[in-house]
């Protein structure tokens, strides 16, 4: 998805409203990254409302990390060490694989029926997964684009707009995924998510650039 991000970034200007509009567009596009779709889809196989809440929780966790990392980037041009970034990408692969593996295990045990007493636990889990994702993937590209805004106040506002729009867009995407994926066999979905997680982990292990 980097190409689309770059196209959006090309619209940037020093005018505050334009800069904030670019941040908004980046945030609305961000949930469509394949690693985000894989993670959220593995957790949001539920009703539209519950899936939307899971997406919103993921977005809140993502926003927490993006803001925590983004403020130093904007104010002091801080840069995450390459080794740490590669490690986080590897962790994202592990998390995605684990989510897929859990689907496979639950499917094998016949545990895919609804658990109405578990929503708070699932929301906390989605938040934690979002925290991890906020430090990797194309979020780094969004941060660099926002940090390039010369006015720090506008850049910080753009960071907030990016974070909030990502959370709201993920909520909408998750609601759609939850409704659509309820008819997909959990075993098949778990296998696909596991395969994607392993592929993502392998790419991170060899230091390949984020491939989308």
Foldseek 3Di string as FASTA:
>chain_A
DVVVLVVLLVQDDLDLVSLLVSLLVLLLCVCPPPLNCLLLLLLLQAALQLLLLLLLLLLLLLLVQLLVVLLCCQPPVDDDDLVVQLVLLLVSLVSLLVSLVVLQVCLVVVNPDDDVVCSVVSSVVSSVSSNSVNSYDCVVVSSVSLSPNPDSVSSSVSSVSSSVSNSNSSSNVSSVSNVVCNPPRSNVSSVVSNVVSVVSNVCSVVPHPRDD
